[in-house]
Amino acid sequence: MPINEFSLIEQYFNQQAFKCDDVILGIGDDAAICKIPKHKKLAIAIDTLVSGVHFLPEWPADVIAHKSLAVNLSDLAAMGATPSWFTLALTLPESNECWLAAFSKGLFRLADQYECQLIGGDTTRGPLSITIQVAGLLEQPLMRSQAEVGDLIVVSGQLGAAAAGLAIIQNQIELQEPFKTQASEALLTPQPRIALGKTLSTISNCAIDISDGLLADLNHICESSDSGATIYLNKLPLFEGLKSLDEKTAWEYALCHGDDYELIFTIKPPFKLQLEKLSQALDLSLTVIGEITSGNQVICLDQHDQNMEFSNAGYRHF
């Protein structure tokens, strides 16, 4: 006999170990009630992941849960916020208890890691989709509109690993180990850069996470800041596994595909020393890849200072 909605919620989603002090009333009423600490601002983000679009239905349930929460936490990281609470709207074709047990385990494993409490949501029957809304606290937000001409453009981590992971699934490329496993992990279980985002306000006013591809997301910064950008292709921190591909193909994976969930941010040139110290403190590569310019174009220069054009402008739903 299928489990009913209220038993489903109680059994799988009202058992989280972490509890936030700012939650007055969580799961079990018509709405949650939370308090916002004095002198803090509330950042809110929401994403829907749909089976067959954002993930494959045959992926393990704990992986689907991890990715669904991680992509939302990445938005908080890009704002410089510390995660606090989240809600979950889960649409299921059936109430499969094995699937639900694995899903809730993966969800709470990541939520507890970032001390983010599930405070409510909804369940319904239909094609598999997951909508998560996250809320976080901050003092000084990082915004896309704050880049200025002369700023350096910095990216965290490596680029293109998740795109390589998807290409492997689609039989478009083959990679040897350990790169095959690393690419798969980057696609399935991205790690939101919360620690980086929380510390960026000391050196930056502007950031965005890479969800649709570096070029597409950098364009969002340029449009919001009324500026352009120059990217130096030989400075891109490519995923090591891509270096076995031809140069332009490797650049395309790094620039034009989504799901990296690294941060792009801008800094003033005098902050380069602080950038190096931050990189060491977080044990995370932070690479200067270009600069903000006047105009409204994003230009990609190769090692010969020739402008390279890329046809793929990043992921688009419509």
Protein backbone atom coordinates (compact mmCIF):
# COMPACT_ATOMS: atom_id res chain seq x y z
CA MET A 1 0.00 0.00 0.00
CA PRO A 2 1.49 3.41 -1.01
CA ILE A 3 2.55 5.66 1.85
CA ASN A 4 0.33 8.73 2.27
CA GLU A 5 1.59 12.30 1.99
CA PHE A 6 1.70 13.09 5.72
CA SER A 7 3.40 9.82 6.65
CA LEU A 8 5.89 10.43 3.82
CA ILE A 9 6.79 13.86 5.17
CA GLU A 10 7.04 12.67 8.78
CA GLN A 11 9.10 9.58 7.95
CA TYR A 12 11.55 11.01 5.43
CA PHE A 13 11.63 14.80 5.78
CA ASN A 14 11.03 15.62 9.45
CA GLN A 15 14.07 13.77 10.77
CA GLN A 16 16.95 16.18 10.08
CA ALA A 17 19.74 16.17 12.66
CA PHE A 18 20.68 19.86 12.27
CA LYS A 19 18.35 22.46 13.79
CA CYS A 20 18.79 26.19 13.28
CA ASP A 21 18.39 28.50 16.29
CA ASP A 22 16.60 31.04 14.11
CA VAL A 23 13.71 28.68 13.26
CA ILE A 24 10.74 29.38 15.52
CA LEU A 25 8.36 26.96 13.79
CA GLY A 26 9.42 24.44 11.16
CA ILE A 27 7.74 21.46 9.49
CA GLY A 28 4.21 20.61 10.62
CA ASP A 29 2.14 23.79 10.29
CA ASP A 30 0.68 25.87 7.45
CA ALA A 31 3.87 27.93 7.26
CA ALA A 32 7.29 28.07 8.85
CA ILE A 33 8.31 30.97 11.05
CA CYS A 34 11.90 32.19 11.23
CA LYS A 35 13.60 35.21 12.73
CA ILE A 36 16.24 37.33 11.04
CA PRO A 37 19.10 38.41 13.33
CA LYS A 38 19.63 42.12 13.81
CA HIS A 39 21.86 43.84 11.24
CA LYS A 40 21.51 40.94 8.78
CA LYS A 41 19.88 40.81 5.35
CA LEU A 42 18.00 37.82 3.95
CA ALA A 43 19.01 36.36 0.56
CA ILE A 44 16.51 34.01 -1.14
CA ALA A 45 17.00 31.81 -4.22
CA ILE A 46 14.93 29.09 -5.91
CA ASP A 47 15.59 26.47 -8.58
CA THR A 48 13.54 23.67 -10.12
CA LEU A 49 15.24 20.53 -11.42
CA VAL A 50 13.20 18.41 -13.84
CA SER A 51 13.81 14.76 -14.68
CA GLY A 52 15.22 14.40 -18.19
CA VAL A 53 16.27 18.06 -18.32
CA HIS A 54 18.55 18.61 -15.31
CA PHE A 55 19.16 15.01 -14.33
CA LEU A 56 18.49 11.53 -15.68
CA PRO A 57 15.74 9.52 -13.93
CA GLU A 58 18.08 6.57 -13.53
CA TRP A 59 20.56 8.58 -11.45
CA PRO A 60 20.73 7.48 -7.79
CA ALA A 61 18.19 9.28 -5.62
CA ASP A 62 20.83 10.57 -3.17
CA VAL A 63 22.74 12.11 -6.10
CA ILE A 64 19.59 13.82 -7.40
CA ALA A 65 18.96 15.22 -3.91
CA HIS A 66 22.54 16.46 -3.55
CA LYS A 67 22.50 18.25 -6.87
CA SER A 68 19.07 19.78 -6.26
CA LEU A 69 20.22 21.41 -3.03
CA ALA A 70 23.78 22.17 -4.17
CA VAL A 71 22.73 24.31 -7.15
CA ASN A 72 20.61 26.45 -4.82
CA LEU A 73 23.38 26.76 -2.24
CA SER A 74 25.65 27.87 -5.07
CA ASP A 75 23.35 30.85 -5.66
CA LEU A 76 23.73 31.82 -2.01
CA ALA A 77 27.51 31.49 -2.34
CA ALA A 78 27.44 33.90 -5.28
CA MET A 79 25.65 36.47 -3.10
CA GLY A 80 28.07 36.01 -0.19
CA ALA A 81 25.35 34.54 2.04
CA THR A 82 25.53 31.92 4.78
CA PRO A 83 22.82 29.25 4.31
CA SER A 84 20.10 29.13 6.96
CA TRP A 85 16.88 27.41 5.84
CA PHE A 86 15.29 25.78 2.80
CA THR A 87 11.94 24.48 1.58
CA LEU A 88 11.30 21.51 -0.69
CA ALA A 89 8.52 20.94 -3.23
CA LEU A 90 8.78 17.35 -4.40
CA THR A 91 6.72 15.99 -7.30
CA LEU A 92 6.81 12.20 -7.55
CA PRO A 93 5.31 9.72 -10.03
CA GLU A 94 4.89 7.28 -7.11
CA SER A 95 5.74 7.02 -3.41
CA ASN A 96 8.69 4.65 -3.72
CA GLU A 97 9.99 4.23 -0.17
CA CYS A 98 13.46 2.99 -1.17
CA TRP A 99 13.87 6.01 -3.45
CA LEU A 100 12.61 8.37 -0.75
CA ALA A 101 14.96 6.94 1.87
CA ALA A 102 17.97 7.44 -0.40
CA PHE A 103 16.78 10.90 -1.51
CA SER A 104 16.31 12.18 2.05
CA LYS A 105 19.68 10.73 3.08
CA GLY A 106 21.49 12.59 0.28
CA LEU A 107 19.50 15.76 0.94
CA PHE A 108 20.25 15.93 4.66
CA ARG A 109 23.87 14.89 4.26
CA LEU A 110 24.52 18.08 2.27
CA ALA A 111 22.11 20.23 4.30
CA ASP A 112 23.79 19.26 7.58
CA GLN A 113 27.21 19.93 6.06
CA TYR A 114 26.20 23.55 5.45
CA GLU A 115 23.98 23.84 8.55
CA CYS A 116 20.86 24.56 6.53
CA GLN A 117 17.52 23.37 7.96
CA LEU A 118 14.54 22.08 5.99
CA ILE A 119 11.58 24.06 7.36
CA GLY A 120 8.69 23.04 5.09
CA GLY A 121 7.47 22.39 1.58
CA ASP A 122 5.01 20.29 -0.38
CA THR A 123 4.65 16.88 -2.00
CA THR A 124 2.47 16.04 -4.98
CA ARG A 125 2.00 13.34 -7.63
CA GLY A 126 3.26 13.90 -11.17
CA PRO A 127 6.41 13.75 -13.35
CA LEU A 128 9.54 13.78 -11.18
CA SER A 129 10.74 17.29 -10.36
CA ILE A 130 12.36 18.96 -7.36
CA THR A 131 11.96 22.62 -6.42
CA ILE A 132 14.09 23.96 -3.59
CA GLN A 133 14.03 27.46 -2.19
CA VAL A 134 16.97 28.46 0.00
CA ALA A 135 17.44 31.40 2.34
CA GLY A 136 20.69 32.73 3.72
CA LEU A 137 21.96 35.61 5.83
CA LEU A 138 24.49 38.25 4.87
CA GLU A 139 25.67 41.73 5.69
CA GLN A 140 27.11 43.04 2.40
CA PRO A 141 25.75 41.34 -0.74
CA LEU A 142 27.81 40.57 -3.84
CA MET A 143 25.90 41.79 -6.91
CA ARG A 144 26.27 41.35 -10.66
CA SER A 145 25.87 45.08 -11.20
CA GLN A 146 28.98 46.13 -9.26
CA ALA A 147 31.78 45.30 -11.73
CA GLU A 148 33.83 48.31 -12.89
CA VAL A 149 36.17 48.92 -15.81
CA GLY A 150 39.69 47.86 -14.84
CA ASP A 151 38.55 45.16 -12.41
CA LEU A 152 40.25 41.77 -12.72
CA ILE A 153 38.04 38.76 -13.46
CA VAL A 154 38.69 35.77 -11.21
CA VAL A 155 37.30 32.23 -11.30
CA SER A 156 37.45 29.55 -8.62
CA GLY A 157 38.43 25.91 -9.13
CA GLN A 158 38.69 24.24 -12.52
CA LEU A 159 36.45 24.65 -15.54
CA GLY A 160 34.77 22.11 -17.78
CA ALA A 161 34.77 18.99 -15.57
CA ALA A 162 30.97 18.75 -15.33
CA ALA A 163 30.62 19.29 -19.08
CA ALA A 164 33.09 16.48 -19.63
CA GLY A 165 31.06 14.28 -17.29
CA LEU A 166 27.92 14.87 -19.34
CA ALA A 167 29.80 14.29 -22.60
CA ILE A 168 31.00 10.93 -21.26
CA ILE A 169 27.40 9.90 -20.47
CA GLN A 170 26.38 10.95 -23.98
CA ASN A 171 29.29 8.97 -25.51
CA GLN A 172 30.75 12.12 -27.05
CA ILE A 173 34.20 11.79 -25.47
CA GLU A 174 36.24 9.19 -23.61
CA LEU A 175 38.53 9.99 -20.69
CA GLN A 176 40.94 7.80 -18.80
CA GLU A 177 40.95 7.41 -15.02
CA PRO A 178 41.13 9.27 -12.71
CA PHE A 179 39.66 11.96 -14.98
CA LYS A 180 36.56 9.94 -15.85
CA THR A 181 35.59 9.61 -12.18
CA GLN A 182 36.46 13.24 -11.42
CA ALA A 183 34.28 14.44 -14.31
CA SER A 184 31.38 12.28 -13.14
CA GLU A 185 31.64 13.61 -9.59
CA ALA A 186 31.73 17.21 -10.84
CA LEU A 187 28.50 16.65 -12.79
CA LEU A 188 26.60 14.63 -10.20
CA THR A 189 27.72 16.11 -6.88
CA PRO A 190 28.90 19.73 -7.34
CA GLN A 191 30.32 21.45 -4.27
CA PRO A 192 28.88 24.93 -3.63
CA ARG A 193 31.57 27.51 -2.84
CA ILE A 194 29.96 28.76 0.36
CA ALA A 195 33.22 29.37 2.25
CA LEU A 196 34.58 31.43 -0.65
CA GLY A 197 31.40 33.46 -1.04
CA LYS A 198 31.29 34.31 2.66
CA THR A 199 34.80 35.79 2.57
CA LEU A 200 34.64 37.57 -0.79
CA SER A 201 33.16 40.80 0.56
CA THR A 202 36.63 41.68 1.88
CA ILE A 203 37.98 41.98 -1.69
CA SER A 204 34.98 42.02 -4.05
CA ASN A 205 31.55 43.56 -4.64
CA CYS A 206 30.55 41.45 -7.65
CA ALA A 207 30.08 37.71 -8.19
CA ILE A 208 27.99 35.11 -10.00
CA ASP A 209 28.03 31.32 -10.03
CA ILE A 210 28.66 29.34 -13.21
CA SER A 211 25.45 27.47 -13.92
CA ASP A 212 24.88 28.10 -17.63
CA GLY A 213 28.54 28.38 -18.71
CA LEU A 214 31.30 30.90 -18.05
CA LEU A 215 30.65 33.05 -21.11
CA ALA A 216 26.89 33.16 -20.54
CA ASP A 217 27.22 33.99 -16.86
CA LEU A 218 30.00 36.53 -17.40
CA ASN A 219 27.69 38.18 -19.91
CA HIS A 220 25.13 38.56 -17.11
CA ILE A 221 27.72 40.51 -15.11
CA CYS A 222 28.59 42.69 -18.10
CA GLU A 223 24.95 43.42 -18.93
CA SER A 224 24.15 44.31 -15.32
CA SER A 225 27.30 46.42 -14.95
CA ASP A 226 27.06 48.05 -18.39
CA SER A 227 30.53 46.87 -19.30
CA GLY A 228 32.51 44.44 -21.44
CA ALA A 229 35.23 41.91 -20.69
CA THR A 230 38.40 40.42 -22.09
CA ILE A 231 39.22 36.77 -21.33
CA TYR A 232 42.70 35.31 -21.89
CA LEU A 233 42.16 31.72 -22.99
CA ASN A 234 45.63 30.52 -21.99
CA LYS A 235 44.85 31.54 -18.39
CA LEU A 236 41.70 29.43 -18.07
CA PRO A 237 42.07 26.84 -15.27
CA LEU A 238 41.06 23.87 -17.41
CA PHE A 239 40.00 20.57 -15.89
CA GLU A 240 43.03 18.34 -16.35
CA GLY A 241 41.04 15.72 -18.24
CA LEU A 242 40.29 18.22 -21.03
CA LYS A 243 43.95 18.68 -21.87
CA SER A 244 43.89 15.47 -23.93
CA LEU A 245 41.41 17.15 -26.32
CA ASP A 246 42.28 19.64 -29.04
CA GLU A 247 42.71 23.17 -27.72
CA LYS A 248 39.54 24.81 -29.02
CA THR A 249 37.33 21.90 -27.94
CA ALA A 250 38.81 22.10 -24.44
CA TRP A 251 38.12 25.85 -24.34
CA GLU A 252 34.53 25.25 -25.47
CA TYR A 253 33.96 22.82 -22.59
CA ALA A 254 35.35 25.38 -20.17
CA LEU A 255 33.50 28.40 -21.56
CA CYS A 256 30.25 27.29 -23.13
CA HIS A 257 28.79 24.53 -20.98
CA GLY A 258 27.09 24.74 -17.61
CA ASP A 259 27.07 22.92 -14.29
CA ASP A 260 30.52 24.00 -13.05
CA TYR A 261 29.04 25.85 -10.04
CA GLU A 262 32.31 27.68 -9.52
CA LEU A 263 32.25 31.41 -8.79
CA ILE A 264 33.24 34.23 -11.14
CA PHE A 265 34.02 37.45 -9.29
CA THR A 266 35.83 40.73 -9.84
CA ILE A 267 38.50 42.47 -7.77
CA LYS A 268 40.52 45.65 -7.97
CA PRO A 269 44.14 45.03 -9.08
CA PRO A 270 45.57 46.05 -5.68
CA PHE A 271 43.75 43.09 -4.10
CA LYS A 272 45.83 40.46 -5.93
CA LEU A 273 47.93 39.76 -2.83
CA GLN A 274 44.81 39.25 -0.70
CA LEU A 275 43.50 36.95 -3.44
CA GLU A 276 46.58 34.75 -3.12
CA LYS A 277 46.21 34.62 0.67
CA LEU A 278 42.52 33.72 0.34
CA SER A 279 43.37 30.95 -2.11
CA GLN A 280 45.85 29.48 0.36
CA ALA A 281 43.49 29.80 3.31
CA LEU A 282 40.67 28.00 1.48
CA ASP A 283 42.98 25.53 -0.31
CA LEU A 284 41.17 26.51 -3.51
CA SER A 285 42.63 27.78 -6.77
CA LEU A 286 41.52 31.34 -7.59
CA THR A 287 42.68 32.31 -11.08
CA VAL A 288 42.72 35.72 -12.76
CA ILE A 289 41.44 35.07 -16.30
CA GLY A 290 40.82 38.57 -17.66
CA GLU A 291 39.55 42.06 -16.95
CA ILE A 292 36.42 44.18 -17.15
CA THR A 293 36.50 46.64 -20.07
CA SER A 294 34.40 49.43 -21.50
CA GLY A 295 31.92 48.63 -24.25
CA ASN A 296 29.52 45.72 -24.20
CA GLN A 297 31.43 42.78 -25.71
CA VAL A 298 33.07 39.76 -24.14
CA ILE A 299 36.25 39.06 -26.11
CA CYS A 300 38.27 35.83 -25.85
CA LEU A 301 41.93 36.17 -26.83
CA ASP A 302 44.22 33.22 -27.54
CA GLN A 303 47.96 33.12 -26.82
CA HIS A 304 48.56 35.10 -30.03
CA ASP A 305 46.06 37.82 -28.99
CA GLN A 306 43.68 36.65 -31.71
CA ASN A 307 39.97 36.91 -30.90
CA MET A 308 38.38 33.45 -30.79
CA GLU A 309 34.64 33.14 -31.36
CA PHE A 310 32.51 30.41 -29.81
CA SER A 311 29.11 29.51 -31.22
CA ASN A 312 27.69 27.90 -28.07
CA ALA A 313 26.43 30.72 -25.84
CA GLY A 314 25.66 28.50 -22.87
CA TYR A 315 22.66 26.54 -21.65
CA ARG A 316 19.20 28.00 -22.33
CA HIS A 317 15.81 26.57 -21.35
CA PHE A 318 13.94 28.32 -24.17
